[in-house]
């Protein structure tokens, strides 16, 4: 499968992506992952991206597209890929369309995971993350807390609330999403690619997508 996953922060894109990759061997690709991978690999594009990342600046679209072009041509993408959190803007979507055409890749659909705002706020405000960068296990103080409060079950590191998951930060992220990323739904609707799935359960979302894809 070749999908773009759209949805507000906290909609469950990452969880859905992990569940879908287990079905047919597709790979989950996020811009954060490919940027970190390019930096770690020491590629020319990675070194250039690192200079922006160290300053805390956004990496320019042209650089991201160069790294994305390399990533989509790696062997593990042959079975399919799920773009998680990319593209974020209309210009990125247009550039991605040109890139996929050049690589002779056809998207199956752009999935819009539609979750009520109050559910997202509750989900993110109660989310906790393992601070170990090698682990990053995710918990929820209501639905799936660690066995020992504040301690990661998997590696024993501290479990923390991320700075971008306070209520104030989440509201700002949702505003940014509505302003810059939500218009992508209309962009892909015009291309006949959007499949909107409403649901607060990742299992239900994945079930609906499997049916739509004939899996």
N, C-alpha and C. Protein backbone atom coordinates (compact mmCIF):
# COMPACT_ATOMS: atom_id res chain seq x y z
N UNK A 1 0.84 -1.20 0.00
CA UNK A 1 0.00 0.00 0.00
C UNK A 1 0.87 1.25 0.00
N UNK A 2 0.37 2.27 -0.65
CA UNK A 2 1.10 3.55 -0.72
C UNK A 2 0.12 4.64 -0.28
N UNK A 3 0.28 5.08 0.97
CA UNK A 3 -0.70 5.98 1.57
C UNK A 3 -0.04 7.24 2.14
N UNK A 4 -0.84 8.33 2.18
CA UNK A 4 -0.50 9.51 2.96
C UNK A 4 -1.47 9.53 4.13
N UNK A 5 -0.95 9.70 5.34
CA UNK A 5 -1.81 9.76 6.53
C UNK A 5 -1.97 11.21 6.97
N UNK A 6 -3.20 11.70 6.92
CA UNK A 6 -3.50 13.06 7.35
C UNK A 6 -4.32 13.00 8.63
N UNK A 7 -4.25 14.06 9.41
CA UNK A 7 -5.00 14.12 10.66
C UNK A 7 -4.28 15.02 11.63
N UNK A 8 -5.04 15.61 12.53
CA UNK A 8 -4.47 16.54 13.51
C UNK A 8 -3.51 15.82 14.44
N UNK A 9 -2.63 16.59 15.13
CA UNK A 9 -1.78 15.98 16.16
C UNK A 9 -2.65 15.21 17.15
N UNK A 10 -2.26 13.98 17.47
CA UNK A 10 -3.04 13.19 18.42
C UNK A 10 -4.16 12.39 17.78
N UNK A 11 -4.28 12.44 16.44
CA UNK A 11 -5.35 11.69 15.77
C UNK A 11 -5.05 10.20 15.72
N UNK A 12 -3.79 9.84 15.97
CA UNK A 12 -3.43 8.42 15.98
C UNK A 12 -2.72 7.96 14.72
N UNK A 13 -2.16 8.90 13.96
CA UNK A 13 -1.50 8.54 12.70
C UNK A 13 -0.38 7.52 12.91
N UNK A 14 0.46 7.77 13.92
CA UNK A 14 1.60 6.89 14.17
C UNK A 14 1.16 5.48 14.55
N UNK A 15 0.15 5.39 15.41
CA UNK A 15 -0.36 4.08 15.84
C UNK A 15 -0.96 3.32 14.67
N UNK A 16 -1.77 4.02 13.87
CA UNK A 16 -2.39 3.40 12.69
C UNK A 16 -1.31 2.94 11.71
N UNK A 17 -0.30 3.77 11.51
CA UNK A 17 0.78 3.42 10.59
C UNK A 17 1.49 2.14 11.02
N UNK A 18 1.79 2.03 12.30
CA UNK A 18 2.47 0.82 12.80
C UNK A 18 1.61 -0.43 12.59
N UNK A 19 0.30 -0.29 12.79
CA UNK A 19 -0.60 -1.43 12.60
C UNK A 19 -0.69 -1.82 11.13
N UNK A 20 -0.70 -0.83 10.25
CA UNK A 20 -0.80 -1.11 8.82
C UNK A 20 0.49 -1.75 8.27
N UNK A 21 1.64 -1.31 8.77
CA UNK A 21 2.90 -1.87 8.25
C UNK A 21 3.01 -3.36 8.57
N UNK A 22 2.36 -3.78 9.65
CA UNK A 22 2.41 -5.19 10.03
C UNK A 22 1.60 -6.06 9.07
N UNK A 23 0.73 -5.44 8.28
CA UNK A 23 -0.14 -6.21 7.39
C UNK A 23 0.59 -6.68 6.13
N UNK A 24 1.31 -5.76 5.48
CA UNK A 24 1.90 -6.15 4.19
C UNK A 24 3.37 -5.77 4.03
N UNK A 25 4.01 -5.36 5.13
CA UNK A 25 5.44 -5.06 5.03
C UNK A 25 5.76 -3.67 4.51
N UNK A 26 4.73 -2.82 4.35
CA UNK A 26 5.00 -1.43 3.97
C UNK A 26 5.81 -0.76 5.09
N UNK A 27 6.52 0.31 4.74
CA UNK A 27 7.33 1.00 5.74
C UNK A 27 6.70 2.34 6.11
N UNK A 28 6.79 2.68 7.39
CA UNK A 28 6.30 3.96 7.88
C UNK A 28 7.41 4.99 7.70
N UNK A 29 7.07 6.11 7.07
CA UNK A 29 8.07 7.16 6.83
C UNK A 29 7.55 8.48 7.40
N UNK A 30 8.31 9.07 8.31
CA UNK A 30 7.98 10.41 8.79
C UNK A 30 9.17 11.31 8.46
N UNK A 31 8.89 12.59 8.26
CA UNK A 31 9.99 13.50 7.92
C UNK A 31 11.04 13.53 9.02
N UNK A 32 10.57 13.46 10.28
CA UNK A 32 11.52 13.46 11.40
C UNK A 32 12.47 12.27 11.30
N UNK A 33 11.90 11.10 11.00
CA UNK A 33 12.72 9.89 10.89
C UNK A 33 13.72 9.99 9.75
N UNK A 34 13.26 10.46 8.58
CA UNK A 34 14.19 10.47 7.45
C UNK A 34 15.26 11.56 7.62
N UNK A 35 14.90 12.66 8.27
CA UNK A 35 15.91 13.70 8.53
C UNK A 35 16.97 13.17 9.49
N UNK A 36 16.51 12.52 10.58
CA UNK A 36 17.47 11.96 11.53
C UNK A 36 18.32 10.87 10.88
N UNK A 37 17.68 10.07 10.02
CA UNK A 37 18.40 9.00 9.34
C UNK A 37 19.47 9.54 8.41
N UNK A 38 19.13 10.61 7.67
CA UNK A 38 20.10 11.22 6.75
C UNK A 38 21.27 11.85 7.51
N UNK A 39 20.95 12.45 8.66
CA UNK A 39 22.01 13.05 9.50
C UNK A 39 22.94 11.96 10.03
N UNK A 40 22.33 10.87 10.55
CA UNK A 40 23.14 9.77 11.11
C UNK A 40 23.99 9.11 10.03
N UNK A 41 23.43 9.01 8.81
CA UNK A 41 24.17 8.36 7.72
C UNK A 41 25.29 9.26 7.19
N UNK A 42 25.22 10.55 7.56
CA UNK A 42 26.28 11.47 7.13
C UNK A 42 26.25 11.81 5.66
N UNK A 43 25.06 11.70 5.03
CA UNK A 43 24.96 12.04 3.61
C UNK A 43 25.12 13.55 3.44
N UNK A 44 25.37 13.94 2.21
CA UNK A 44 25.55 15.37 1.94
C UNK A 44 24.29 16.15 2.31
N UNK A 45 23.12 15.61 1.93
CA UNK A 45 21.86 16.26 2.28
C UNK A 45 21.65 16.26 3.79
N UNK A 46 22.06 15.16 4.44
CA UNK A 46 21.93 15.06 5.89
C UNK A 46 22.76 16.11 6.61
N UNK A 47 23.99 16.30 6.14
CA UNK A 47 24.87 17.31 6.77
C UNK A 47 24.30 18.71 6.60
N UNK A 48 23.72 18.95 5.43
CA UNK A 48 23.13 20.26 5.17
C UNK A 48 21.90 20.48 6.08
N UNK A 49 21.08 19.42 6.21
CA UNK A 49 19.89 19.51 7.06
C UNK A 49 20.27 19.75 8.51
N UNK A 50 21.37 19.13 8.94
CA UNK A 50 21.80 19.22 10.33
C UNK A 50 22.10 20.66 10.73
N UNK A 51 22.63 21.43 9.80
CA UNK A 51 22.96 22.83 10.13
C UNK A 51 21.69 23.61 10.49
N UNK A 52 20.59 23.31 9.81
CA UNK A 52 19.30 23.96 10.13
C UNK A 52 18.76 23.44 11.45
N UNK A 53 18.81 22.12 11.62
CA UNK A 53 18.22 21.49 12.82
C UNK A 53 18.93 21.94 14.09
N UNK A 54 20.26 22.09 14.02
CA UNK A 54 21.02 22.52 15.20
C UNK A 54 20.67 23.95 15.60
N UNK A 55 20.30 24.77 14.60
CA UNK A 55 19.91 26.16 14.89
C UNK A 55 18.45 26.24 15.34
N UNK A 56 17.73 25.11 15.22
CA UNK A 56 16.31 25.12 15.56
C UNK A 56 15.45 25.68 14.45
N UNK A 57 16.01 25.79 13.24
CA UNK A 57 15.26 26.32 12.10
C UNK A 57 14.56 25.19 11.35
N UNK A 58 13.50 25.55 10.61
CA UNK A 58 12.84 24.57 9.77
C UNK A 58 13.74 24.22 8.59
N UNK A 59 13.77 22.95 8.25
CA UNK A 59 14.57 22.51 7.09
C UNK A 59 13.79 22.90 5.83
N UNK A 60 14.43 23.58 4.86
CA UNK A 60 13.72 24.03 3.65
C UNK A 60 13.09 22.87 2.88
N UNK A 61 11.95 23.15 2.22
CA UNK A 61 11.25 22.12 1.46
C UNK A 61 12.15 21.45 0.43
N UNK A 62 12.98 22.25 -0.24
CA UNK A 62 13.83 21.69 -1.30
C UNK A 62 14.74 20.61 -0.75
N UNK A 63 15.24 20.81 0.45
CA UNK A 63 16.13 19.84 1.09
C UNK A 63 15.35 18.60 1.52
N UNK A 64 14.18 18.83 2.10
CA UNK A 64 13.34 17.70 2.52
C UNK A 64 12.96 16.84 1.31
N UNK A 65 12.64 17.48 0.19
CA UNK A 65 12.25 16.73 -1.01
C UNK A 65 13.43 15.92 -1.55
N UNK A 66 14.64 16.47 -1.45
CA UNK A 66 15.83 15.72 -1.88
C UNK A 66 16.02 14.47 -1.04
N UNK A 67 15.86 14.62 0.27
CA UNK A 67 16.00 13.48 1.19
C UNK A 67 14.86 12.49 0.96
N UNK A 68 13.64 12.99 0.73
CA UNK A 68 12.49 12.12 0.47
C UNK A 68 12.68 11.32 -0.82
N UNK A 69 13.24 11.97 -1.82
CA UNK A 69 13.49 11.27 -3.10
C UNK A 69 14.43 10.09 -2.89
N UNK A 70 15.50 10.31 -2.11
CA UNK A 70 16.42 9.22 -1.81
C UNK A 70 15.73 8.12 -1.01
N UNK A 71 14.91 8.53 -0.04
CA UNK A 71 14.27 7.54 0.85
C UNK A 71 13.30 6.64 0.09
N UNK A 72 12.52 7.23 -0.82
CA UNK A 72 11.50 6.46 -1.53
C UNK A 72 12.11 5.47 -2.53
N UNK A 73 13.39 5.66 -2.83
CA UNK A 73 14.05 4.74 -3.76
C UNK A 73 14.84 3.64 -3.05
N UNK A 74 14.79 3.64 -1.71
CA UNK A 74 15.47 2.57 -0.97
C UNK A 74 14.67 1.27 -1.10
N UNK A 75 15.36 0.12 -1.06
CA UNK A 75 14.70 -1.17 -1.34
C UNK A 75 13.48 -1.47 -0.48
N UNK A 76 13.49 -1.02 0.80
CA UNK A 76 12.37 -1.38 1.68
C UNK A 76 11.06 -0.70 1.30
N UNK A 77 11.12 0.31 0.41
CA UNK A 77 9.90 0.99 -0.02
C UNK A 77 9.21 0.25 -1.17
N UNK A 78 9.86 -0.78 -1.68
CA UNK A 78 9.30 -1.51 -2.83
C UNK A 78 7.95 -2.14 -2.48
N UNK A 79 7.77 -2.56 -1.21
CA UNK A 79 6.52 -3.20 -0.79
C UNK A 79 5.43 -2.17 -0.51
N UNK A 80 5.80 -0.92 -0.41
CA UNK A 80 4.83 0.13 -0.10
C UNK A 80 5.33 1.02 1.02
N UNK A 81 4.64 2.15 1.23
CA UNK A 81 5.06 3.09 2.27
C UNK A 81 3.85 3.87 2.77
N UNK A 82 3.98 4.34 4.01
CA UNK A 82 2.96 5.18 4.64
C UNK A 82 3.63 6.48 5.03
N UNK A 83 3.23 7.57 4.43
CA UNK A 83 3.82 8.87 4.77
C UNK A 83 3.06 9.45 5.96
N UNK A 84 3.75 9.52 7.09
CA UNK A 84 3.16 9.94 8.37
C UNK A 84 3.61 11.35 8.69
N UNK A 85 2.68 12.32 8.57
CA UNK A 85 3.03 13.71 8.89
C UNK A 85 3.72 14.44 7.76
N UNK A 86 3.62 13.90 6.56
CA UNK A 86 4.18 14.55 5.37
C UNK A 86 3.30 14.20 4.19
N UNK A 87 2.97 15.15 3.34
CA UNK A 87 3.35 16.57 3.37
C UNK A 87 2.55 17.34 4.44
N UNK A 88 3.07 18.51 4.80
CA UNK A 88 2.41 19.36 5.81
C UNK A 88 1.75 20.59 5.18
N UNK A 89 2.16 20.95 3.99
CA UNK A 89 1.64 22.16 3.34
C UNK A 89 1.33 21.86 1.88
N UNK A 90 0.55 22.75 1.25
CA UNK A 90 0.21 22.58 -0.17
C UNK A 90 1.46 22.57 -1.04
N UNK A 91 2.43 23.51 -0.86
CA UNK A 91 3.65 23.44 -1.69
C UNK A 91 4.39 22.10 -1.56
N UNK A 92 4.43 21.53 -0.34
CA UNK A 92 5.06 20.22 -0.16
C UNK A 92 4.28 19.15 -0.92
N UNK A 93 2.94 19.25 -0.88
CA UNK A 93 2.11 18.26 -1.58
C UNK A 93 2.33 18.35 -3.09
N UNK A 94 2.45 19.57 -3.60
CA UNK A 94 2.69 19.74 -5.04
C UNK A 94 4.05 19.17 -5.43
N UNK A 95 5.05 19.45 -4.60
CA UNK A 95 6.41 18.93 -4.87
C UNK A 95 6.43 17.40 -4.78
N UNK A 96 5.68 16.85 -3.81
CA UNK A 96 5.61 15.40 -3.65
C UNK A 96 4.95 14.77 -4.88
N UNK A 97 3.89 15.41 -5.40
CA UNK A 97 3.22 14.90 -6.60
C UNK A 97 4.17 14.82 -7.77
N UNK A 98 5.00 15.86 -7.95
CA UNK A 98 5.98 15.87 -9.04
C UNK A 98 7.03 14.77 -8.84
N UNK A 99 7.45 14.60 -7.59
CA UNK A 99 8.45 13.57 -7.28
C UNK A 99 7.90 12.17 -7.57
N UNK A 100 6.68 11.88 -7.11
CA UNK A 100 6.10 10.56 -7.32
C UNK A 100 5.91 10.28 -8.81
N UNK A 101 5.53 11.31 -9.56
CA UNK A 101 5.36 11.15 -11.01
C UNK A 101 6.70 10.81 -11.67
N UNK A 102 7.73 11.49 -11.20
CA UNK A 102 9.09 11.26 -11.74
C UNK A 102 9.57 9.84 -11.42
N UNK A 103 9.19 9.34 -10.23
CA UNK A 103 9.61 7.99 -9.82
C UNK A 103 8.62 6.92 -10.29
N UNK A 104 7.57 7.35 -10.99
CA UNK A 104 6.55 6.42 -11.51
C UNK A 104 5.86 5.66 -10.37
N UNK A 105 5.53 6.40 -9.30
CA UNK A 105 4.85 5.83 -8.13
C UNK A 105 3.43 6.40 -8.07
N UNK A 106 2.44 5.53 -7.88
CA UNK A 106 1.04 5.96 -7.79
C UNK A 106 0.53 5.76 -6.36
N UNK A 107 -0.03 6.81 -5.78
CA UNK A 107 -0.61 6.71 -4.44
C UNK A 107 -1.93 5.95 -4.48
N UNK A 108 -2.18 5.15 -3.43
CA UNK A 108 -3.47 4.47 -3.31
C UNK A 108 -4.53 5.43 -2.76
N UNK A 109 -4.17 6.15 -1.71
CA UNK A 109 -5.13 7.11 -1.14
C UNK A 109 -4.44 8.01 -0.12
N UNK A 110 -5.13 9.11 0.18
CA UNK A 110 -4.73 9.99 1.28
C UNK A 110 -5.78 9.80 2.36
N UNK A 111 -5.37 9.26 3.50
CA UNK A 111 -6.30 8.91 4.58
C UNK A 111 -6.42 10.07 5.55
N UNK A 112 -7.65 10.56 5.74
CA UNK A 112 -7.90 11.62 6.70
C UNK A 112 -8.50 11.01 7.95
N UNK A 113 -7.71 10.94 9.03
CA UNK A 113 -8.20 10.38 10.30
C UNK A 113 -8.85 11.51 11.08
N UNK A 114 -10.18 11.45 11.17
CA UNK A 114 -10.96 12.55 11.75
C UNK A 114 -11.36 12.19 13.19
N UNK A 115 -10.77 12.89 14.15
CA UNK A 115 -11.03 12.62 15.57
C UNK A 115 -11.53 13.92 16.22
N UNK A 116 -12.58 13.87 17.04
CA UNK A 116 -13.11 15.08 17.68
C UNK A 116 -12.02 15.82 18.48
N UNK A 117 -12.12 17.15 18.44
CA UNK A 117 -11.13 18.01 19.10
C UNK A 117 -10.98 17.68 20.59
N UNK A 118 -12.12 17.44 21.29
CA UNK A 118 -12.03 17.19 22.73
C UNK A 118 -11.31 15.87 23.02
N UNK A 119 -11.45 14.91 22.12
CA UNK A 119 -10.76 13.62 22.30
C UNK A 119 -9.25 13.81 22.13
N UNK A 120 -8.87 14.61 21.13
CA UNK A 120 -7.45 14.89 20.89
C UNK A 120 -6.82 15.59 22.09
N UNK A 121 -7.52 16.61 22.61
CA UNK A 121 -7.00 17.34 23.77
C UNK A 121 -6.80 16.41 24.97
N UNK A 122 -7.80 15.59 25.23
CA UNK A 122 -7.71 14.66 26.36
C UNK A 122 -6.59 13.65 26.14
N UNK A 123 -6.48 13.15 24.90
CA UNK A 123 -5.49 12.12 24.57
C UNK A 123 -4.07 12.66 24.73
N UNK A 124 -3.83 13.88 24.23
CA UNK A 124 -2.47 14.42 24.28
C UNK A 124 -2.09 14.95 25.65
N UNK A 125 -3.06 15.53 26.35
CA UNK A 125 -2.75 16.07 27.69
C UNK A 125 -2.43 14.95 28.68
N UNK A 126 -2.93 13.74 28.41
CA UNK A 126 -2.68 12.62 29.32
C UNK A 126 -1.60 11.68 28.79
N UNK A 127 -0.98 12.04 27.67
CA UNK A 127 0.07 11.21 27.10
C UNK A 127 1.40 11.44 27.83
N UNK A 128 2.15 10.39 28.03
CA UNK A 128 3.48 10.49 28.61
C UNK A 128 4.44 9.68 27.74
N UNK A 129 5.69 10.13 27.67
CA UNK A 129 6.68 9.51 26.77
C UNK A 129 7.95 9.18 27.53
N UNK A 130 8.53 8.03 27.25
CA UNK A 130 9.83 7.67 27.83
C UNK A 130 10.87 8.66 27.33
N UNK A 131 11.66 9.21 28.27
CA UNK A 131 12.63 10.25 27.88
C UNK A 131 13.88 9.68 27.21
N UNK A 132 14.05 8.35 27.24
CA UNK A 132 15.20 7.71 26.60
C UNK A 132 15.02 7.79 25.08
N UNK A 133 15.90 8.52 24.36
CA UNK A 133 15.73 8.69 22.91
C UNK A 133 15.78 7.37 22.14
N UNK A 134 16.39 6.35 22.74
CA UNK A 134 16.46 5.04 22.08
C UNK A 134 15.17 4.23 22.28
N UNK A 135 14.32 4.68 23.18
CA UNK A 135 13.10 3.93 23.51
C UNK A 135 11.85 4.66 23.05
N UNK A 136 11.59 5.82 23.66
CA UNK A 136 10.44 6.67 23.29
C UNK A 136 9.08 5.97 23.40
N UNK A 137 8.98 4.99 24.32
CA UNK A 137 7.70 4.30 24.53
C UNK A 137 6.64 5.31 24.97
N UNK A 138 5.41 5.11 24.52
CA UNK A 138 4.33 6.06 24.81
C UNK A 138 3.32 5.42 25.77
N UNK A 139 2.91 6.21 26.76
CA UNK A 139 1.93 5.76 27.75
C UNK A 139 0.80 6.78 27.82
N UNK A 140 -0.26 6.41 28.54
CA UNK A 140 -1.34 7.35 28.81
C UNK A 140 -1.75 7.18 30.27
N UNK A 141 -1.76 8.27 31.02
CA UNK A 141 -1.99 8.15 32.47
C UNK A 141 -3.39 7.60 32.78
N UNK A 142 -4.32 7.71 31.82
CA UNK A 142 -5.67 7.18 32.04
C UNK A 142 -5.81 5.74 31.53
N UNK A 143 -5.46 5.54 30.24
CA UNK A 143 -5.78 4.27 29.60
C UNK A 143 -4.66 3.24 29.61
N UNK A 144 -3.40 3.69 29.61
CA UNK A 144 -2.30 2.71 29.59
C UNK A 144 -1.07 3.26 30.33
N UNK A 145 -1.20 3.43 31.67
CA UNK A 145 -0.08 3.97 32.45
C UNK A 145 1.03 2.94 32.59
N UNK A 146 2.28 3.39 32.86
CA UNK A 146 3.35 2.42 33.14
C UNK A 146 3.03 1.66 34.43
N UNK A 147 3.59 0.45 34.56
CA UNK A 147 3.30 -0.37 35.74
C UNK A 147 3.74 0.34 37.02
N UNK A 148 4.91 1.00 36.93
CA UNK A 148 5.39 1.79 38.07
C UNK A 148 5.31 3.26 37.67
N UNK A 149 4.60 4.06 38.45
CA UNK A 149 4.36 5.44 38.07
C UNK A 149 5.66 6.19 37.76
N UNK A 150 5.68 6.80 36.56
CA UNK A 150 6.83 7.62 36.18
C UNK A 150 8.03 6.86 35.67
N UNK A 151 7.92 5.52 35.58
CA UNK A 151 9.06 4.70 35.14
C UNK A 151 8.65 3.86 33.93
N UNK A 152 9.46 3.88 32.88
CA UNK A 152 9.17 3.14 31.66
C UNK A 152 9.25 1.63 31.89
N UNK A 153 8.22 0.90 31.46
CA UNK A 153 8.19 -0.56 31.59
C UNK A 153 9.31 -1.21 30.80
N UNK A 154 9.66 -0.60 29.65
CA UNK A 154 10.58 -1.26 28.72
C UNK A 154 12.05 -1.06 29.07
N UNK A 155 12.42 0.18 29.50
CA UNK A 155 13.85 0.42 29.70
C UNK A 155 14.20 1.00 31.08
N UNK A 156 13.17 1.34 31.88
CA UNK A 156 13.44 1.83 33.22
C UNK A 156 13.76 3.31 33.32
N UNK A 157 13.72 4.03 32.17
CA UNK A 157 13.97 5.48 32.19
C UNK A 157 12.74 6.22 32.69
N UNK A 158 12.91 7.53 32.93
CA UNK A 158 11.78 8.34 33.40
C UNK A 158 10.75 8.52 32.28
N UNK A 159 9.48 8.54 32.68
CA UNK A 159 8.38 8.81 31.75
C UNK A 159 7.91 10.24 32.02
N UNK A 160 7.89 11.07 30.96
CA UNK A 160 7.66 12.50 31.14
C UNK A 160 6.52 13.01 30.25
N UNK A 161 6.03 14.20 30.58
CA UNK A 161 5.12 14.90 29.68
C UNK A 161 5.97 15.82 28.81
N UNK A 162 5.90 15.64 27.50
CA UNK A 162 6.70 16.46 26.59
C UNK A 162 6.24 17.91 26.64
N UNK A 163 7.18 18.84 26.36
CA UNK A 163 6.86 20.27 26.37
C UNK A 163 5.75 20.61 25.39
N UNK A 164 5.68 19.86 24.27
CA UNK A 164 4.68 20.19 23.25
C UNK A 164 3.35 19.47 23.50
N UNK A 165 3.20 18.87 24.70
CA UNK A 165 1.95 18.18 25.01
C UNK A 165 1.26 18.73 26.26
N UNK A 166 1.62 19.97 26.63
CA UNK A 166 0.83 20.70 27.62
C UNK A 166 -0.41 21.22 26.88
N UNK A 167 -1.46 21.58 27.61
CA UNK A 167 -2.70 22.02 26.94
C UNK A 167 -2.45 23.26 26.07
N UNK A 168 -1.65 24.19 26.58
CA UNK A 168 -1.35 25.42 25.82
C UNK A 168 -0.64 25.09 24.51
N UNK A 169 0.36 24.20 24.60
CA UNK A 169 1.13 23.83 23.41
C UNK A 169 0.25 23.07 22.41
N UNK A 170 -0.62 22.21 22.91
CA UNK A 170 -1.49 21.42 22.03
C UNK A 170 -2.45 22.32 21.28
N UNK A 171 -3.03 23.31 21.97
CA UNK A 171 -3.94 24.24 21.31
C UNK A 171 -3.23 24.99 20.19
N UNK A 172 -1.96 25.36 20.44
CA UNK A 172 -1.18 26.04 19.41
C UNK A 172 -0.92 25.12 18.23
N UNK A 173 -0.60 23.85 18.51
CA UNK A 173 -0.35 22.88 17.44
C UNK A 173 -1.61 22.66 16.60
N UNK A 174 -2.75 22.61 17.25
CA UNK A 174 -4.01 22.42 16.52
C UNK A 174 -4.33 23.62 15.64
N UNK A 175 -4.03 24.83 16.14
CA UNK A 175 -4.23 26.03 15.33
C UNK A 175 -3.35 25.99 14.09
N UNK A 176 -2.08 25.60 14.29
CA UNK A 176 -1.13 25.51 13.17
C UNK A 176 -1.60 24.48 12.16
N UNK A 177 -2.08 23.34 12.68
CA UNK A 177 -2.59 22.29 11.79
C UNK A 177 -3.76 22.80 10.95
N UNK A 178 -4.73 23.44 11.62
CA UNK A 178 -5.92 23.93 10.91
C UNK A 178 -5.57 24.95 9.85
N UNK A 179 -4.54 25.75 10.14
CA UNK A 179 -4.15 26.83 9.22
C UNK A 179 -3.34 26.29 8.03
N UNK A 180 -2.38 25.40 8.31
CA UNK A 180 -1.43 25.02 7.26
C UNK A 180 -1.65 23.63 6.67
N UNK A 181 -2.09 22.68 7.50
CA UNK A 181 -2.14 21.29 7.04
C UNK A 181 -3.53 20.83 6.65
N UNK A 182 -4.57 21.28 7.36
CA UNK A 182 -5.93 20.86 7.02
C UNK A 182 -6.30 21.12 5.55
N UNK A 183 -5.81 22.23 4.91
CA UNK A 183 -6.14 22.44 3.49
C UNK A 183 -5.68 21.30 2.57
N UNK A 184 -4.78 20.44 3.05
CA UNK A 184 -4.34 19.31 2.23
C UNK A 184 -5.50 18.36 1.93
N UNK A 185 -6.48 18.31 2.84
CA UNK A 185 -7.62 17.42 2.61
C UNK A 185 -8.34 17.83 1.32
N UNK A 186 -8.57 19.14 1.17
CA UNK A 186 -9.20 19.64 -0.05
C UNK A 186 -8.32 19.40 -1.28
N UNK A 187 -7.02 19.56 -1.12
CA UNK A 187 -6.07 19.35 -2.22
C UNK A 187 -6.18 17.93 -2.76
N UNK A 188 -6.20 16.96 -1.85
CA UNK A 188 -6.26 15.55 -2.29
C UNK A 188 -7.68 15.11 -2.65
N UNK A 189 -8.69 15.80 -2.10
CA UNK A 189 -10.08 15.51 -2.51
C UNK A 189 -10.27 15.80 -4.00
N UNK A 190 -9.67 16.90 -4.47
CA UNK A 190 -9.78 17.27 -5.88
C UNK A 190 -9.16 16.20 -6.78
N UNK A 191 -8.22 15.45 -6.23
CA UNK A 191 -7.57 14.38 -7.00
C UNK A 191 -8.29 13.04 -6.82
N UNK A 192 -9.37 13.05 -6.01
CA UNK A 192 -10.13 11.83 -5.80
C UNK A 192 -9.42 10.80 -4.94
N UNK A 193 -8.52 11.27 -4.08
CA UNK A 193 -7.69 10.34 -3.31
C UNK A 193 -8.07 10.23 -1.83
N UNK A 194 -8.95 11.12 -1.35
CA UNK A 194 -9.20 11.18 0.10
C UNK A 194 -10.18 10.10 0.56
N UNK A 195 -9.79 9.42 1.63
CA UNK A 195 -10.67 8.51 2.35
C UNK A 195 -10.72 9.01 3.79
N UNK A 196 -11.86 9.54 4.22
CA UNK A 196 -12.00 10.03 5.59
C UNK A 196 -12.52 8.91 6.49
N UNK A 197 -11.80 8.69 7.58
CA UNK A 197 -12.17 7.66 8.54
C UNK A 197 -12.39 8.34 9.88
N UNK A 198 -13.61 8.25 10.41
CA UNK A 198 -13.91 8.84 11.72
C UNK A 198 -13.88 7.75 12.77
N UNK A 199 -13.18 8.00 13.82
CA UNK A 199 -13.15 7.00 14.89
C UNK A 199 -12.05 7.28 15.88
N UNK A 200 -12.33 6.94 17.13
CA UNK A 200 -11.34 7.16 18.18
C UNK A 200 -10.57 5.88 18.48
N UNK A 201 -10.93 4.79 17.82
CA UNK A 201 -10.24 3.51 18.02
C UNK A 201 -9.35 3.22 16.81
N UNK A 202 -8.06 3.00 17.06
CA UNK A 202 -7.13 2.69 15.97
C UNK A 202 -7.52 1.38 15.29
N UNK A 203 -8.03 0.42 16.06
CA UNK A 203 -8.46 -0.86 15.48
C UNK A 203 -9.58 -0.64 14.47
N UNK A 204 -10.53 0.23 14.82
CA UNK A 204 -11.65 0.51 13.91
C UNK A 204 -11.17 1.21 12.65
N UNK A 205 -10.24 2.17 12.81
CA UNK A 205 -9.68 2.90 11.66
C UNK A 205 -8.97 1.92 10.72
N UNK A 206 -8.14 1.06 11.28
CA UNK A 206 -7.39 0.09 10.46
C UNK A 206 -8.34 -0.88 9.77
N UNK A 207 -9.39 -1.32 10.48
CA UNK A 207 -10.36 -2.22 9.88
C UNK A 207 -11.04 -1.60 8.67
N UNK A 208 -11.41 -0.33 8.80
CA UNK A 208 -12.07 0.36 7.69
C UNK A 208 -11.12 0.53 6.50
N UNK A 209 -9.85 0.83 6.80
CA UNK A 209 -8.87 1.00 5.72
C UNK A 209 -8.58 -0.32 5.01
N UNK A 210 -8.51 -1.40 5.77
CA UNK A 210 -8.28 -2.73 5.17
C UNK A 210 -9.40 -3.06 4.20
N UNK A 211 -10.64 -2.73 4.60
CA UNK A 211 -11.78 -3.00 3.73
C UNK A 211 -11.71 -2.14 2.46
N UNK A 212 -11.33 -0.86 2.64
CA UNK A 212 -11.24 0.05 1.48
C UNK A 212 -10.14 -0.35 0.50
N UNK A 213 -9.07 -0.94 1.05
CA UNK A 213 -7.93 -1.35 0.21
C UNK A 213 -8.06 -2.79 -0.29
N UNK A 214 -9.10 -3.47 0.17
CA UNK A 214 -9.30 -4.85 -0.24
C UNK A 214 -8.29 -5.81 0.35
N UNK A 215 -7.86 -5.53 1.59
CA UNK A 215 -6.85 -6.39 2.24
C UNK A 215 -7.53 -7.41 3.15
